Protein backbone atom coordinates (compact mmCIF):
# COMPACT_ATOMS: atom_id res chain seq x y z
CA MET A 1 -34.98 -10.49 -15.26
CA LYS A 2 -31.25 -9.50 -14.30
CA ARG A 3 -30.42 -7.82 -11.09
CA GLU A 4 -28.26 -4.62 -11.39
CA PHE A 5 -25.93 -4.08 -8.08
CA ALA A 6 -24.30 -0.65 -7.22
CA PRO A 7 -20.19 -0.97 -6.18
CA GLU A 8 -20.81 1.84 -3.34
CA ARG A 9 -23.76 -0.39 -1.91
CA LEU A 10 -22.95 -3.87 -2.49
CA ASN A 11 -25.86 -6.40 -1.49
CA VAL A 12 -23.17 -9.07 -1.37
CA PRO A 13 -25.27 -12.14 0.16
CA ALA A 14 -27.04 -11.47 -3.12
CA PHE A 15 -23.37 -10.81 -5.50
CA THR A 16 -22.36 -14.06 -4.62
CA ALA A 17 -25.17 -15.98 -4.77
CA ALA A 18 -25.94 -14.44 -8.63
CA ALA A 19 -22.48 -15.69 -9.25
CA ALA A 20 -22.25 -11.14 -10.93
CA THR A 21 -19.21 -9.89 -11.66
CA LEU A 22 -19.38 -6.13 -11.41
CA ASP A 23 -16.30 -4.37 -14.07
CA GLY A 24 -15.20 -0.61 -13.88
CA ALA A 25 -12.86 1.84 -15.38
CA ASP A 26 -12.43 4.80 -13.05
CA PRO A 27 -10.41 8.01 -12.58
CA VAL A 28 -7.27 7.54 -10.12
CA PRO A 29 -8.58 11.39 -8.62
CA GLY A 30 -11.88 9.88 -7.54
CA PHE A 31 -10.04 7.84 -5.21
CA ALA A 32 -8.65 10.38 -2.64
CA ARG A 33 -6.34 8.59 0.02
CA LEU A 34 -4.84 7.50 -3.17
CA VAL A 35 -4.37 10.52 -4.94
CA ALA A 36 -2.65 11.63 -1.39
CA GLU A 37 0.61 9.36 -1.64
CA LEU A 38 1.01 10.66 -5.37
CA ALA A 39 3.77 12.56 -6.48
CA THR A 40 1.19 14.14 -8.89
CA PRO A 41 -2.15 14.70 -9.20
CA ALA A 42 -2.85 11.40 -12.74
CA THR A 43 -5.83 13.32 -13.87
CA ASP A 44 -5.82 11.00 -16.95
CA ALA A 45 -5.10 7.44 -14.61
CA VAL A 46 -7.20 4.77 -14.48
CA VAL A 47 -8.20 1.65 -12.24
CA ARG A 48 -9.33 -0.66 -13.99
CA TRP A 49 -11.18 -3.27 -11.54
CA GLU A 50 -13.70 -6.42 -12.04
CA ALA A 51 -15.22 -8.06 -9.12
CA THR A 52 -16.57 -12.00 -9.26
CA GLY A 53 -18.77 -13.36 -6.70
CA GLU A 54 -19.59 -17.24 -6.34
CA GLU A 55 -20.83 -19.43 -3.24
CA ARG A 56 -18.56 -22.12 -2.21
CA PRO A 57 -19.71 -25.05 0.37
CA GLY A 58 -18.50 -24.05 3.70
CA ALA A 59 -16.81 -26.74 6.49
CA ASP A 60 -20.19 -26.61 8.13
CA GLY A 61 -21.72 -27.29 4.48
CA LYS A 62 -23.66 -24.27 4.19
CA ALA A 63 -22.97 -21.79 1.44
CA THR A 64 -19.71 -19.54 1.95
CA PRO A 65 -20.00 -16.09 -0.16
CA TRP A 66 -16.95 -15.34 -2.06
CA LEU A 67 -15.30 -12.09 -3.58
CA HIS A 68 -12.52 -11.84 -6.74
CA LEU A 69 -10.89 -8.90 -6.97
CA ASP A 70 -8.89 -7.99 -9.66
CA VAL A 71 -7.65 -4.49 -10.16
CA GLU A 72 -4.40 -2.85 -11.99
CA THR A 73 -3.59 0.84 -12.65
CA THR A 74 -0.48 2.87 -13.05
CA VAL A 75 0.41 6.06 -10.99
CA PRO A 76 3.00 8.13 -10.44
CA LEU A 77 4.88 7.74 -6.75
CA VAL A 78 7.95 9.12 -5.49
CA CYS A 79 11.21 7.56 -6.78
CA GLN A 80 13.25 7.22 -3.22
CA ARG A 81 16.84 7.64 -5.40
CA CYS A 82 16.03 10.62 -8.01
CA LEU A 83 12.75 12.34 -5.76
CA SER A 84 11.20 12.97 -8.89
CA PRO A 85 7.70 10.70 -10.11
CA VAL A 86 8.21 7.31 -11.54
CA ASP A 87 4.78 5.74 -12.97
CA THR A 88 5.08 2.22 -10.71
CA GLU A 89 2.01 -0.38 -11.78
CA LEU A 90 0.29 -1.51 -9.11
CA PHE A 91 -2.01 -5.32 -9.34
CA VAL A 92 -4.59 -6.57 -6.98
CA ASP A 93 -5.32 -10.42 -7.86
CA ARG A 94 -6.82 -11.52 -4.53
CA TRP A 95 -10.51 -13.59 -3.28
CA PHE A 96 -12.21 -12.52 -0.19
CA ARG A 97 -14.45 -15.07 1.96
CA PHE A 98 -17.26 -13.54 4.03
CA VAL A 99 -17.75 -14.71 7.52
CA ALA A 100 -21.07 -13.27 9.14
CA ASP A 101 -19.50 -10.84 11.59
CA GLU A 102 -16.31 -9.41 13.74
CA ALA A 103 -16.08 -11.88 16.13
CA THR A 104 -15.81 -14.61 13.52
CA ALA A 105 -13.22 -12.87 11.22
CA GLU A 106 -11.02 -12.25 14.18
CA ALA A 107 -11.53 -15.79 15.34
CA GLU A 108 -10.70 -17.54 11.88
CA ASP A 109 -8.31 -14.64 10.94
CA GLU A 110 -4.91 -16.91 12.33
CA GLU A 111 -5.74 -20.45 10.52
CA SER A 112 -7.49 -18.62 7.21
CA ASP A 113 -5.35 -18.84 4.13
CA GLU A 114 -7.71 -16.17 2.70
CA ASP A 115 -8.77 -12.80 3.53
CA LEU A 116 -12.03 -12.39 5.67
CA LEU A 117 -14.66 -9.74 5.56
CA VAL A 118 -17.68 -9.47 7.32
CA VAL A 119 -20.77 -10.16 5.51
CA SER A 120 -23.16 -7.02 4.29
CA ARG A 121 -25.81 -6.04 1.69
CA ASP A 122 -24.68 -2.21 1.86
CA PHE A 123 -20.48 -3.12 1.54
CA ASP A 124 -18.54 -0.67 0.09
CA LEU A 125 -16.67 -2.40 -3.20
CA ARG A 126 -15.00 1.01 -4.00
CA GLY A 127 -13.36 1.34 -0.70
CA LEU A 128 -12.22 -1.98 -0.87
CA ILE A 129 -10.54 -1.62 -4.22
CA GLU A 130 -8.64 1.29 -2.70
CA ASP A 131 -7.95 -0.41 0.54
CA GLU A 132 -5.83 -3.09 -1.81
CA LEU A 133 -4.48 -0.03 -4.23
CA LEU A 134 -3.13 1.25 -0.80
CA MET A 135 -1.35 -1.86 0.33
CA GLU A 136 0.15 -2.91 -3.33
CA ILE A 137 2.27 0.58 -3.20
CA PRO A 138 5.94 -0.77 -3.10
CA VAL A 139 7.79 0.68 0.21
CA MET A 140 10.60 2.45 -1.94
CA PRO A 141 9.30 2.97 -5.41
CA VAL A 142 12.85 3.57 -7.92
CA HIS A 143 13.17 4.50 -11.25
CA ASP A 144 15.03 1.21 -13.50
CA VAL A 145 17.55 3.87 -14.10
CA CYS A 146 16.50 7.27 -12.81
CA PRO A 147 16.41 10.26 -15.23
CA THR A 148 18.52 12.41 -14.03
CA PRO A 149 21.51 12.37 -12.42
CA VAL A 150 21.41 11.10 -8.74
CA ARG A 151 23.95 13.22 -6.51
CA LEU A 152 25.75 10.98 -4.23
CA SER A 153 26.00 12.87 -1.19
CA SER A 154 25.24 13.03 2.42
CA SER A 155 25.34 16.79 2.90
CA ASP A 156 26.38 20.82 2.14
CA GLU A 157 29.75 21.99 2.10
CA ASP A 158 28.05 24.29 5.17
CA PHE A 159 27.05 21.31 6.86
CA GLN A 160 31.06 19.67 6.59
CA ALA A 161 32.59 23.14 7.22
CA ALA A 162 30.36 23.28 10.26
CA GLU A 163 31.47 19.73 11.19
CA GLU A 164 35.54 20.13 10.74
CA ALA A 165 35.74 22.94 12.82
CA LYS A 166 34.13 21.38 15.92
CA PRO A 167 36.97 19.40 18.46
CA ASN A 168 37.35 16.00 18.33
CA PRO A 169 35.74 14.92 21.94
CA PHE A 170 38.69 12.52 21.93
CA ALA A 171 41.61 15.18 21.75
CA VAL A 172 39.50 16.90 24.97
CA LEU A 173 39.86 13.07 27.20
CA GLY A 174 43.36 12.91 26.19
CA ALA A 175 44.10 16.16 28.19
CA LEU A 176 42.48 15.00 30.96
CA ARG A 177 44.88 11.93 31.49
CA PRO A 178 47.84 11.87 33.26
CA ARG A 179 51.19 12.56 32.15
CA LYS A 180 54.12 9.93 33.12
CA PRO A 181 57.07 11.68 34.00
CA GLU A 182 59.56 10.14 31.17
CA GLU A 183 56.65 11.47 28.96
CA GLY A 184 57.31 15.17 29.51
CA LYS A 185 54.55 17.67 29.03
């Protein structure tokens, strides 16, 4: 009998012991925190993902649960040059090692090369997928070539006029300086 696993409530020990695989193609609007970062709602975008569990021998010789997560999607972000939507590909290809509790994860985090998670019989795989996608969003998404010319001015005409009307602060200092008799008035 083949065991069924649910990504919303993944039994990590059973999933990794069975060396099971889950995959899916979920609509982007189902990931609320990701949608909050987008330029447009992306109703047609899809998150394709695959999660594979396995057990590897740990330092103590006991089997340690591991999870490989492979995720990809294309979402519209705000171009930081022209401020219009730019389709951005997000990829996740990461291994996670599960530990018994938060204290162990915190203690081993500094010297560990892999990402650590706390083992659970009720693990939210979709939450992990969304977390990883959020971390893959570039700091400055930009078009290779923006679809509209980018206006490279730092201010508008009214701002420039206001700046020109202000007296030079150093001119006021010059007026305070005592004059030598040969300089005149």
